[in-house]
Protein backbone atom coordinates (compact mmCIF):
# COMPACT_ATOMS: atom_id res chain seq x y z
CA UNK A 1 -3.14 54.08 25.46
CA UNK A 2 -3.62 52.41 21.70
CA UNK A 3 -6.24 53.00 19.06
CA UNK A 4 -8.37 50.12 19.62
CA UNK A 5 -8.33 49.50 15.74
CA UNK A 6 -4.13 48.46 16.80
CA UNK A 7 -2.95 44.74 16.70
CA UNK A 8 -1.66 44.22 19.87
CA UNK A 9 0.81 41.44 20.34
CA UNK A 10 -0.59 41.25 24.04
CA UNK A 11 -4.29 40.80 23.51
CA UNK A 12 -4.28 38.39 19.74
CA UNK A 13 -4.53 35.09 18.85
CA UNK A 14 -3.96 33.89 15.26
CA UNK A 15 -6.34 31.89 13.76
CA UNK A 16 -5.48 30.61 10.42
CA UNK A 17 -9.33 28.81 9.28
CA UNK A 18 -9.16 25.63 7.03
CA UNK A 19 -6.15 26.12 4.76
CA UNK A 20 -6.69 22.35 3.33
CA UNK A 21 -6.12 21.40 -0.27
CA UNK A 22 -8.88 20.93 -1.63
CA UNK A 23 -10.09 24.28 -1.00
CA UNK A 24 -6.33 25.83 -1.66
CA UNK A 25 -5.84 24.25 -5.26
CA UNK A 26 -9.20 26.08 -6.45
CA UNK A 27 -7.84 29.43 -5.46
CA UNK A 28 -5.63 31.76 -8.10
CA UNK A 29 -3.88 33.26 -5.17
CA UNK A 30 -3.06 30.43 -3.31
CA UNK A 31 0.96 30.97 -3.63
CA UNK A 32 0.39 34.61 -2.12
CA UNK A 33 -2.39 33.76 0.45
CA UNK A 34 0.09 30.91 1.32
CA UNK A 35 2.91 33.25 2.25
CA UNK A 36 1.21 35.76 4.04
CA UNK A 37 -0.05 33.50 6.55
CA UNK A 38 3.23 31.82 6.88
CA UNK A 39 4.87 35.61 7.52
CA UNK A 40 1.68 36.16 9.86
CA UNK A 41 2.32 32.56 11.31
CA UNK A 42 6.28 33.21 12.12
CA UNK A 43 5.63 37.01 13.41
CA UNK A 44 2.91 35.73 15.66
CA UNK A 45 5.14 33.32 16.97
CA UNK A 46 8.55 35.73 17.02
CA UNK A 47 5.91 38.50 19.27
CA UNK A 48 4.19 35.37 21.40
CA UNK A 49 0.65 34.80 19.73
CA UNK A 50 -0.93 31.79 20.21
CA UNK A 51 -1.99 30.61 16.95
CA UNK A 52 -5.20 28.23 16.50
CA UNK A 53 -5.42 26.28 13.35
CA UNK A 54 -8.79 24.66 12.47
CA UNK A 55 -10.02 22.36 9.49
CA UNK A 56 -12.48 21.38 7.82
CA UNK A 57 -13.90 18.05 7.94
CA UNK A 58 -9.76 17.03 8.01
CA UNK A 59 -10.65 13.13 7.77
CA UNK A 60 -12.65 13.84 4.11
CA UNK A 61 -10.35 17.00 2.98
CA UNK A 62 -7.35 16.53 4.76
CA UNK A 63 -4.58 18.30 6.64
CA UNK A 64 -3.47 21.82 6.77
CA UNK A 65 -1.86 22.47 3.24
CA UNK A 66 1.93 21.46 3.12
CA UNK A 67 3.49 25.09 2.25
CA UNK A 68 1.27 26.27 5.57
CA UNK A 69 1.79 23.38 8.30
CA UNK A 70 5.79 22.97 7.62
CA UNK A 71 6.32 26.37 8.99
CA UNK A 72 3.46 25.99 11.88
CA UNK A 73 5.26 22.67 12.88
CA UNK A 74 8.67 23.90 12.41
CA UNK A 75 7.38 26.73 14.95
CA UNK A 76 5.29 23.96 17.30
CA UNK A 77 2.11 25.77 15.91
CA UNK A 78 0.66 23.40 14.79
CA UNK A 79 -2.07 21.94 17.19
CA UNK A 80 -5.28 21.73 14.80
CA UNK A 81 -8.98 21.37 15.35
CA UNK A 82 -10.79 19.51 13.39
CA UNK A 83 -14.57 20.83 12.58
CA UNK A 84 -17.56 20.20 10.93
CA UNK A 85 -19.47 23.50 11.15
CA UNK A 86 -18.48 26.71 8.81
CA UNK A 87 -17.87 29.01 11.63
CA UNK A 88 -14.64 28.53 14.07
CA UNK A 89 -16.54 29.00 16.92
CA UNK A 90 -19.11 26.42 16.90
CA UNK A 91 -15.76 23.62 16.80
CA UNK A 92 -15.47 21.61 19.96
CA UNK A 93 -12.75 23.66 21.84
CA UNK A 94 -12.12 26.47 19.45
CA UNK A 95 -14.16 29.36 21.91
CA UNK A 96 -12.37 27.60 25.18
CA UNK A 97 -8.52 27.64 23.47
CA UNK A 98 -9.66 31.46 22.78
CA UNK A 99 -10.81 32.14 26.01
CA UNK A 100 -7.44 30.61 27.44
CA UNK A 101 -5.13 32.38 26.00
CA UNK A 102 -6.74 35.67 27.99
CA UNK A 103 -6.92 37.78 24.78
CA UNK A 104 -9.56 39.24 23.06
CA UNK A 105 -9.05 39.79 19.47
CA UNK A 106 -8.76 37.11 16.52
CA UNK A 107 -6.34 37.95 13.52
CA UNK A 108 -8.03 35.94 11.04
CA UNK A 109 -6.31 34.21 7.77
CA UNK A 110 -7.59 31.37 5.73
CA UNK A 111 -10.75 30.29 3.66
CA UNK A 112 -13.19 30.58 2.16
CA UNK A 113 -13.82 33.81 2.90
CA UNK A 114 -16.88 34.09 2.34
CA UNK A 115 -18.21 31.24 4.50
CA UNK A 116 -15.57 29.98 7.39
CA UNK A 117 -13.58 33.09 7.85
CA UNK A 118 -16.63 35.30 7.72
CA UNK A 119 -18.85 33.25 10.11
CA UNK A 120 -16.08 32.78 12.48
CA UNK A 121 -15.66 36.73 12.44
CA UNK A 122 -19.46 37.18 12.95
CA UNK A 123 -19.32 34.71 15.43
CA UNK A 124 -16.49 35.61 17.42
CA UNK A 125 -17.75 39.73 17.42
CA UNK A 126 -21.01 38.30 18.51
CA UNK A 127 -19.38 36.91 21.41
CA UNK A 128 -17.29 40.01 22.69
CA UNK A 129 -14.09 39.19 20.55
CA UNK A 130 -12.63 41.77 18.42
CA UNK A 131 -11.96 40.38 14.82
CA UNK A 132 -8.84 41.52 12.47
CA UNK A 133 -9.54 39.89 9.50
CA UNK A 134 -5.81 39.69 7.40
CA UNK A 135 -7.21 40.66 4.12
CA UNK A 136 -4.52 39.50 2.10
CA UNK A 137 -3.96 36.43 3.86
CA UNK A 138 -7.48 35.13 3.19
CA UNK A 139 -9.29 33.96 -0.04
CA UNK A 140 -12.14 32.44 -1.67
CA UNK A 141 -12.71 30.77 -5.09
CA UNK A 142 -14.87 33.56 -6.83
CA UNK A 143 -13.36 37.44 -5.75
CA UNK A 144 -17.19 38.95 -5.72
CA UNK A 145 -18.03 36.69 -2.97
CA UNK A 146 -14.48 37.62 -1.21
CA UNK A 147 -15.58 41.42 -1.96
CA UNK A 148 -19.43 40.75 -0.12
CA UNK A 149 -17.99 38.94 2.51
CA UNK A 150 -15.05 41.74 2.98
CA UNK A 151 -17.97 44.83 3.37
CA UNK A 152 -20.16 42.80 5.44
CA UNK A 153 -17.56 42.18 8.06
CA UNK A 154 -16.60 45.85 8.24
CA UNK A 155 -20.35 46.84 8.61
CA UNK A 156 -20.29 44.50 11.30
CA UNK A 157 -17.16 46.09 12.91
CA UNK A 158 -14.90 43.48 11.87
CA UNK A 159 -11.25 45.54 11.31
CA UNK A 160 -9.74 44.76 7.82
CA UNK A 161 -6.39 44.84 7.76
CA UNK A 162 -2.83 43.54 5.60
CA UNK A 163 -0.37 41.05 6.51
CA UNK A 164 2.37 43.46 6.88
CA UNK A 165 0.13 45.99 8.75
CA UNK A 166 -1.07 43.59 11.38
CA UNK A 167 2.69 42.38 11.54
CA UNK A 168 4.59 45.86 12.31
CA UNK A 169 1.18 46.71 14.54
CA UNK A 170 1.98 43.28 16.74
CA UNK A 171 5.36 44.48 16.80
CA UNK A 172 4.79 48.14 18.30
CA UNK A 173 8.72 48.98 18.27
CA UNK A 174 11.44 48.99 15.73
CA UNK A 175 15.02 47.32 18.18
CA UNK A 176 12.86 44.85 20.07
CA UNK A 177 14.29 41.15 20.61
CA UNK A 178 10.61 40.70 18.71
CA UNK A 179 11.29 43.37 16.15
CA UNK A 180 15.35 41.78 15.41
CA UNK A 181 13.27 37.79 15.03
CA UNK A 182 10.91 38.98 12.94
CA UNK A 183 12.95 41.10 10.35
CA UNK A 184 14.27 38.31 8.35
CA UNK A 185 10.67 37.84 7.24
CA UNK A 186 9.39 41.54 6.08
CA UNK A 187 11.89 42.51 4.33
CA UNK A 188 11.28 43.29 0.49
């Protein structure tokens, strides 16, 4: 039986929270976070995970940034949920999509870490889901806000991971078709 803090492909949903241009342009580590979100999306696709994308007030703030959206579209994973609430759990259809997936673990990426990501993780846990915050695929404008949010989520029971940790947990073993499909995106 795997440890409950390991991400499992058959139990997980990848969530990409509000990675939109007005927010992203203010992020000093935009390129690295976008690369990690794209890696997570590619490995999630290879491992058969559902992916849920949210966009905060998309009519005003626009869609997911091009560098992430293009890959999500290429993989057939770009079906965003627009929202006004900060927590994704308050967005119409979000919790239903998670519920319909039959999975109990949210792998959370995106921004801002101390607002929408944090509120989503905390509310998901209050609904009985596990929250894995993929720390190097999450960003905020100010590092101290993200640091405080990370600690708050950890103390509330969220699992704090990194892209590489989660990807290898999802894949589980070398030599599988999923591993072979994901390897080009995990090589350094």
